Amino acid sequence: MSGVVSAADLLPQAFAEGGETAEGLTFDLRRLTAFDNAAVDEAALRKDEEGYLITEAQRITQALVAQINELPKQPGDAGIESVLPDPTETLPRYRPPPAKKAETVWEKFAREKGIVNRKKSRMVFDEVTGEYKPAWGYGRQEDGPAAYGIVEVQDGEDDTADPWTKARREKRARVAKNVLQQMRNTDRAAGKR
């Protein structure tokens, strides 16, 4: 014995004559499905449920693979691929398709006036660093006196005062005010006030 086992020896019923018949089956090759419209053999099902189901699944799968092998083929990225036809079965929807929403007053006004919504880009070019940075939020482009090397002194201001220190102090005051307002909002939401 050479040690080579043929597939026909392992699964003789798969290679028996008529093992790949498509009698009573309908196929939707686009969705790779096969439907058996024949009645279930209740006597065989009661006798050996698992064996009957395995045999039926094997028969239907073999017929599906045989149908797929008969399709025209073309070379693809993963090798030779079968060209699937258009679907033959229509699948029902779980819910009806959504109805078209009524146009809002603003949408109607904008359509009549020709107003087009243009999305503003969040990223802006920072000329100092030569990179794109967000216009707002974390990592935003610096603005105000901290971004400039030279700051013009306004009338009535002290020309010996440091504008960068003043900008830092004002920012700290804004942050402290924001934290205080946030704490008050939290207290108010909790019902303490």
C-alpha atoms as a PDB file:
ATOM      1  CA  MET A   1       0.000   0.000   0.000  1.00  0.00           C
ATOM      2  CA  SER A   2       1.406   3.368  -0.996  1.00  0.00           C
ATOM      3  CA  GLY A   3      -0.068   5.381   1.930  1.00  0.00           C
ATOM      4  CA  VAL A   4      -2.190   7.579  -0.369  1.00  0.00           C
ATOM      5  CA  VAL A   5      -5.895   7.600   0.459  1.00  0.00           C
ATOM      6  CA  SER A   6      -8.371   8.787  -2.125  1.00  0.00           C
ATOM      7  CA  ALA A   7     -11.315  10.984  -1.206  1.00  0.00           C
ATOM      8  CA  ALA A   8     -13.699   8.417  -2.719  1.00  0.00           C
ATOM      9  CA  ASP A   9     -12.553   5.872  -0.137  1.00  0.00           C
ATOM     10  CA  LEU A  10     -13.254   8.275   2.738  1.00  0.00           C
ATOM     11  CA  LEU A  11     -16.684   9.495   1.594  1.00  0.00           C
ATOM     12  CA  PRO A  12     -18.118   6.962  -0.859  1.00  0.00           C
ATOM     13  CA  GLN A  13     -21.626   8.476  -0.733  1.00  0.00           C
ATOM     14  CA  ALA A  14     -20.236  11.819  -1.901  1.00  0.00           C
ATOM     15  CA  PHE A  15     -18.744  10.288  -5.035  1.00  0.00           C
ATOM     16  CA  ALA A  16     -21.634   7.929  -5.794  1.00  0.00           C
ATOM     17  CA  GLU A  17     -23.593   8.456  -9.000  1.00  0.00           C
ATOM     18  CA  GLY A  18     -26.181  11.169  -8.552  1.00  0.00           C
ATOM     19  CA  GLY A  19     -24.396  12.610  -5.513  1.00  0.00           C
ATOM     20  CA  GLU A  20     -24.395  16.086  -7.019  1.00  0.00           C
ATOM     21  CA  THR A  21     -27.925  16.209  -8.365  1.00  0.00           C
ATOM     22  CA  ALA A  22     -29.841  19.435  -8.074  1.00  0.00           C
ATOM     23  CA  GLU A  23     -33.301  17.858  -8.030  1.00  0.00           C
ATOM     24  CA  GLY A  24     -35.726  19.903  -5.967  1.00  0.00           C
ATOM     25  CA  LEU A  25     -33.102  22.574  -5.201  1.00  0.00           C
ATOM     26  CA  THR A  26     -33.166  26.224  -6.122  1.00  0.00           C
ATOM     27  CA  PHE A  27     -29.993  28.283  -6.027  1.00  0.00           C
ATOM     28  CA  ASP A  28     -29.150  31.924  -5.476  1.00  0.00           C
ATOM     29  CA  LEU A  29     -25.503  31.851  -6.472  1.00  0.00           C
ATOM     30  CA  ARG A  30     -24.957  35.553  -5.820  1.00  0.00           C
ATOM     31  CA  ARG A  31     -25.690  34.955  -2.127  1.00  0.00           C
ATOM     32  CA  LEU A  32     -24.132  31.446  -2.211  1.00  0.00           C
ATOM     33  CA  THR A  33     -27.348  29.826  -0.972  1.00  0.00           C
ATOM     34  CA  ALA A  34     -29.308  26.714  -1.918  1.00  0.00           C
ATOM     35  CA  PHE A  35     -32.928  26.046  -0.987  1.00  0.00           C
ATOM     36  CA  ASP A  36     -34.448  22.555  -0.754  1.00  0.00           C
ATOM     37  CA  ASN A  37     -38.188  22.674  -1.430  1.00  0.00           C
ATOM     38  CA  ALA A  38     -38.690  18.918  -0.948  1.00  0.00           C
ATOM     39  CA  ALA A  39     -40.599  17.612   2.063  1.00  0.00           C
ATOM     40  CA  VAL A  40     -38.617  16.290   5.025  1.00  0.00           C
ATOM     41  CA  ASP A  41     -38.486  12.501   5.356  1.00  0.00           C
ATOM     42  CA  GLU A  42     -39.965  12.310   8.840  1.00  0.00           C
ATOM     43  CA  ALA A  43     -39.271   8.596   9.304  1.00  0.00           C
ATOM     44  CA  ALA A  44     -35.558   9.032   8.571  1.00  0.00           C
ATOM     45  CA  LEU A  45     -35.464  12.171  10.715  1.00  0.00           C
ATOM     46  CA  ARG A  46     -36.962  10.358  13.735  1.00  0.00           C
ATOM     47  CA  LYS A  47     -34.694   7.355  13.255  1.00  0.00           C
ATOM     48  CA  ASP A  48     -31.393   9.289  13.197  1.00  0.00           C
ATOM     49  CA  GLU A  49     -31.874  13.057  13.469  1.00  0.00           C
ATOM     50  CA  GLU A  50     -28.232  14.131  13.423  1.00  0.00           C
ATOM     51  CA  GLY A  51     -27.237  11.704  10.673  1.00  0.00           C
ATOM     52  CA  TYR A  52     -30.183  12.756   8.509  1.00  0.00           C
ATOM     53  CA  LEU A  53     -29.395  16.459   8.897  1.00  0.00           C
ATOM     54  CA  ILE A  54     -25.694  15.917   8.122  1.00  0.00           C
ATOM     55  CA  THR A  55     -26.548  13.884   5.014  1.00  0.00           C
ATOM     56  CA  GLU A  56     -28.998  16.515   3.748  1.00  0.00           C
ATOM     57  CA  ALA A  57     -26.571  19.375   4.438  1.00  0.00           C
ATOM     58  CA  GLN A  58     -23.812  17.497   2.631  1.00  0.00           C
ATOM     59  CA  ARG A  59     -26.053  16.772  -0.383  1.00  0.00           C
ATOM     60  CA  ILE A  60     -27.174  20.384  -0.690  1.00  0.00           C
ATOM     61  CA  THR A  61     -23.658  21.781  -0.163  1.00  0.00           C
ATOM     62  CA  GLN A  62     -22.241  19.472  -2.852  1.00  0.00           C
ATOM     63  CA  ALA A  63     -24.910  20.600  -5.284  1.00  0.00           C
ATOM     64  CA  LEU A  64     -24.158  24.259  -4.471  1.00  0.00           C
ATOM     65  CA  VAL A  65     -20.416  23.775  -4.994  1.00  0.00           C
ATOM     66  CA  ALA A  66     -21.088  21.971  -8.280  1.00  0.00           C
ATOM     67  CA  GLN A  67     -23.207  24.920  -9.453  1.00  0.00           C
ATOM     68  CA  ILE A  68     -20.465  27.375  -8.463  1.00  0.00           C
ATOM     69  CA  ASN A  69     -17.848  25.319 -10.347  1.00  0.00           C
ATOM     70  CA  GLU A  70     -19.953  25.615 -13.520  1.00  0.00           C
ATOM     71  CA  LEU A  71     -19.862  29.433 -13.408  1.00  0.00           C
ATOM     72  CA  PRO A  72     -17.488  31.363 -15.704  1.00  0.00           C
ATOM     73  CA  LYS A  73     -14.138  32.128 -14.101  1.00  0.00           C
ATOM     74  CA  GLN A  74     -11.701  35.020 -14.294  1.00  0.00           C
ATOM     75  CA  PRO A  75      -8.278  35.739 -12.778  1.00  0.00           C
ATOM     76  CA  GLY A  76      -8.364  37.867  -9.637  1.00  0.00           C
ATOM     77  CA  ASP A  77      -6.147  39.076  -6.803  1.00  0.00           C
ATOM     78  CA  ALA A  78      -6.512  35.821  -4.848  1.00  0.00           C
ATOM     79  CA  GLY A  79      -6.251  33.552  -7.904  1.00  0.00           C
ATOM     80  CA  ILE A  80      -8.983  32.228 -10.171  1.00  0.00           C
ATOM     81  CA  GLU A  81     -12.407  33.569  -9.140  1.00  0.00           C
ATOM     82  CA  SER A  82     -15.908  32.591 -10.202  1.00  0.00           C
ATOM     83  CA  VAL A  83     -18.062  35.382 -11.627  1.00  0.00           C
ATOM     84  CA  LEU A  84     -21.264  35.396  -9.575  1.00  0.00           C
ATOM     85  CA  PRO A  85     -24.559  36.149 -11.365  1.00  0.00           C
ATOM     86  CA  ASP A  86     -27.187  38.619 -10.223  1.00  0.00           C
ATOM     87  CA  PRO A  87     -29.324  37.529  -7.234  1.00  0.00           C
ATOM     88  CA  THR A  88     -32.457  35.554  -8.036  1.00  0.00           C
ATOM     89  CA  GLU A  89     -34.189  35.672  -4.647  1.00  0.00           C
ATOM     90  CA  THR A  90     -35.489  38.870  -3.074  1.00  0.00           C
ATOM     91  CA  LEU A  91     -34.874  39.056   0.633  1.00  0.00           C
ATOM     92  CA  PRO A  92     -37.569  40.690   2.769  1.00  0.00           C
ATOM     93  CA  ARG A  93     -36.738  43.661   4.935  1.00  0.00           C
ATOM     94  CA  TYR A  94     -37.116  43.438   8.694  1.00  0.00           C
ATOM     95  CA  ARG A  95     -38.809  46.842   8.678  1.00  0.00           C
ATOM     96  CA  PRO A  96     -40.364  48.851   5.862  1.00  0.00           C
ATOM     97  CA  PRO A  97     -38.047  51.327   4.124  1.00  0.00           C
ATOM     98  CA  PRO A  98     -37.940  54.692   5.863  1.00  0.00           C
ATOM     99  CA  ALA A  99     -40.302  57.349   4.561  1.00  0.00           C
ATOM    100  CA  LYS A 100     -38.767  60.475   3.075  1.00  0.00           C
ATOM    101  CA  LYS A 101     -38.498  63.178   5.725  1.00  0.00           C
ATOM    102  CA  ALA A 102     -40.420  66.380   5.228  1.00  0.00           C
ATOM    103  CA  GLU A 103     -38.314  69.407   4.311  1.00  0.00           C
ATOM    104  CA  THR A 104     -37.725  71.794   7.189  1.00  0.00           C
ATOM    105  CA  VAL A 105     -38.431  75.512   6.911  1.00  0.00           C
ATOM    106  CA  TRP A 106     -34.691  76.257   6.804  1.00  0.00           C
ATOM    107  CA  GLU A 107     -34.031  73.634   4.109  1.00  0.00           C
ATOM    108  CA  LYS A 108     -36.838  75.062   1.987  1.00  0.00           C
ATOM    109  CA  PHE A 109     -35.548  78.635   2.478  1.00  0.00           C
ATOM    110  CA  ALA A 110     -31.952  77.578   1.677  1.00  0.00           C
ATOM    111  CA  ARG A 111     -33.053  75.738  -1.473  1.00  0.00           C
ATOM    112  CA  GLU A 112     -35.085  78.747  -2.682  1.00  0.00           C
ATOM    113  CA  LYS A 113     -32.252  81.212  -1.994  1.00  0.00           C
ATOM    114  CA  GLY A 114     -29.527  78.920  -3.342  1.00  0.00           C
ATOM    115  CA  ILE A 115     -27.665  78.680  -0.032  1.00  0.00           C
ATOM    116  CA  VAL A 116     -25.168  75.822  -0.037  1.00  0.00           C
ATOM    117  CA  ASN A 117     -23.812  74.437   3.225  1.00  0.00           C
ATOM    118  CA  ARG A 118     -20.015  74.509   3.054  1.00  0.00           C
ATOM    119  CA  LYS A 119     -18.105  72.531   5.635  1.00  0.00           C
ATOM    120  CA  LYS A 120     -15.337  74.489   7.326  1.00  0.00           C
ATOM    121  CA  SER A 121     -12.058  72.680   7.624  1.00  0.00           C
ATOM    122  CA  ARG A 122     -10.899  72.127  11.201  1.00  0.00           C
ATOM    123  CA  MET A 123      -7.205  72.128  10.251  1.00  0.00           C
ATOM    124  CA  VAL A 124      -5.396  75.382   9.491  1.00  0.00           C
ATOM    125  CA  PHE A 125      -1.823  76.002   8.429  1.00  0.00           C
ATOM    126  CA  ASP A 126       0.398  77.401  11.178  1.00  0.00           C
ATOM    127  CA  GLU A 127       3.013  79.577   9.450  1.00  0.00           C
ATOM    128  CA  VAL A 128       5.243  79.692  12.532  1.00  0.00           C
ATOM    129  CA  THR A 129       5.759  75.929  12.766  1.00  0.00           C
ATOM    130  CA  GLY A 130       5.015  75.155   9.109  1.00  0.00           C
ATOM    131  CA  GLU A 131       2.486  72.436  10.057  1.00  0.00           C
ATOM    132  CA  TYR A 132      -1.271  71.990   9.944  1.00  0.00           C
ATOM    133  CA  LYS A 133      -2.925  72.323  13.355  1.00  0.00           C
ATOM    134  CA  PRO A 134      -6.541  72.267  14.533  1.00  0.00           C
ATOM    135  CA  ALA A 135      -8.240  75.671  14.444  1.00  0.00           C
ATOM    136  CA  TRP A 136      -9.834  74.947  17.849  1.00  0.00           C
ATOM    137  CA  GLY A 137      -9.518  72.384  20.607  1.00  0.00           C
ATOM    138  CA  TYR A 138      -6.478  70.404  21.763  1.00  0.00           C
ATOM    139  CA  GLY A 139      -3.267  71.242  19.910  1.00  0.00           C
ATOM    140  CA  ARG A 140      -4.794  74.298  18.251  1.00  0.00           C
ATOM    141  CA  GLN A 141      -2.845  76.986  16.497  1.00  0.00           C
ATOM    142  CA  GLU A 142      -1.561  79.547  18.997  1.00  0.00           C
ATOM    143  CA  ASP A 143      -3.187  82.948  18.860  1.00  0.00           C
ATOM    144  CA  GLY A 144      -2.888  86.131  20.841  1.00  0.00           C
ATOM    145  CA  PRO A 145       0.340  87.679  22.122  1.00  0.00           C
ATOM    146  CA  ALA A 146       1.972  84.328  22.901  1.00  0.00           C
ATOM    147  CA  ALA A 147       2.142  83.562  19.171  1.00  0.00           C
ATOM    148  CA  TYR A 148       3.900  86.782  18.170  1.00  0.00           C
ATOM    149  CA  GLY A 149       7.430  87.960  18.772  1.00  0.00           C
ATOM    150  CA  ILE A 150       6.437  91.622  18.636  1.00  0.00           C
ATOM    151  CA  VAL A 151       3.323  93.090  20.263  1.00  0.00           C
ATOM    152  CA  GLU A 152       2.106  96.581  19.479  1.00  0.00           C
ATOM    153  CA  VAL A 153       1.418  98.736  22.541  1.00  0.00           C
ATOM    154  CA  GLN A 154      -2.049 100.314  22.510  1.00  0.00           C
ATOM    155  CA  ASP A 155      -2.693 103.896  23.569  1.00  0.00           C
ATOM    156  CA  GLY A 156      -3.155 104.193  27.315  1.00  0.00           C
ATOM    157  CA  GLU A 157      -1.237 100.979  28.110  1.00  0.00           C
ATOM    158  CA  ASP A 158       1.997 100.783  30.061  1.00  0.00           C
ATOM    159  CA  ASP A 159       4.821 100.417  27.531  1.00  0.00           C
ATOM    160  CA  THR A 160       7.103  98.765  30.112  1.00  0.00           C
ATOM    161  CA  ALA A 161       4.618  95.974  30.975  1.00  0.00           C
ATOM    162  CA  ASP A 162       5.252  92.494  29.587  1.00  0.00           C
ATOM    163  CA  PRO A 163       2.337  91.567  27.218  1.00  0.00           C
ATOM    164  CA  TRP A 164       3.128  87.819  27.366  1.00  0.00           C
ATOM    165  CA  THR A 165       2.895  87.745  31.168  1.00  0.00           C
ATOM    166  CA  LYS A 166      -0.357  89.680  30.943  1.00  0.00           C
ATOM    167  CA  ALA A 167      -1.756  87.167  28.408  1.00  0.00           C
ATOM    168  CA  ARG A 168      -0.766  84.221  30.651  1.00  0.00           C
ATOM    169  CA  ARG A 169      -2.383  85.903  33.682  1.00  0.00           C
ATOM    170  CA  GLU A 170      -5.598  86.570  31.740  1.00  0.00           C
ATOM    171  CA  LYS A 171      -5.736  82.975  30.554  1.00  0.00           C
ATOM    172  CA  ARG A 172      -5.277  81.643  34.105  1.00  0.00           C
ATOM    173  CA  ALA A 173      -8.114  83.923  35.234  1.00  0.00           C
ATOM    174  CA  ARG A 174     -10.381  82.602  32.441  1.00  0.00           C
ATOM    175  CA  VAL A 175      -9.550  78.989  33.367  1.00  0.00           C
ATOM    176  CA  ALA A 176     -10.241  79.649  37.072  1.00  0.00           C
ATOM    177  CA  LYS A 177     -13.560  81.312  36.226  1.00  0.00           C
ATOM    178  CA  ASN A 178     -14.500  78.346  34.033  1.00  0.00           C
ATOM    179  CA  VAL A 179     -13.691  75.867  36.820  1.00  0.00           C
ATOM    180  CA  LEU A 180     -15.800  77.885  39.288  1.00  0.00           C
ATOM    181  CA  GLN A 181     -18.743  77.988  36.859  1.00  0.00           C
ATOM    182  CA  GLN A 182     -18.382  74.246  36.251  1.00  0.00           C
ATOM    183  CA  MET A 183     -18.503  73.548  40.006  1.00  0.00           C
ATOM    184  CA  ARG A 184     -21.608  75.737  40.362  1.00  0.00           C
ATOM    185  CA  ASN A 185     -23.294  73.886  37.481  1.00  0.00           C
ATOM    186  CA  THR A 186     -22.475  70.545  39.091  1.00  0.00           C
ATOM    187  CA  ASP A 187     -23.873  71.720  42.443  1.00  0.00           C
ATOM    188  CA  ARG A 188     -27.000  73.081  40.781  1.00  0.00           C
ATOM    189  CA  ALA A 189     -27.532  69.806  38.895  1.00  0.00           C
ATOM    190  CA  ALA A 190     -27.127  67.846  42.151  1.00  0.00           C
ATOM    191  CA  GLY A 191     -29.790  70.035  43.802  1.00  0.00           C
ATOM    192  CA  LYS A 192     -27.552  71.683  46.397  1.00  0.00           C
ATOM    193  CA  ARG A 193     -28.629  75.147  45.424  1.00  0.00           C
END
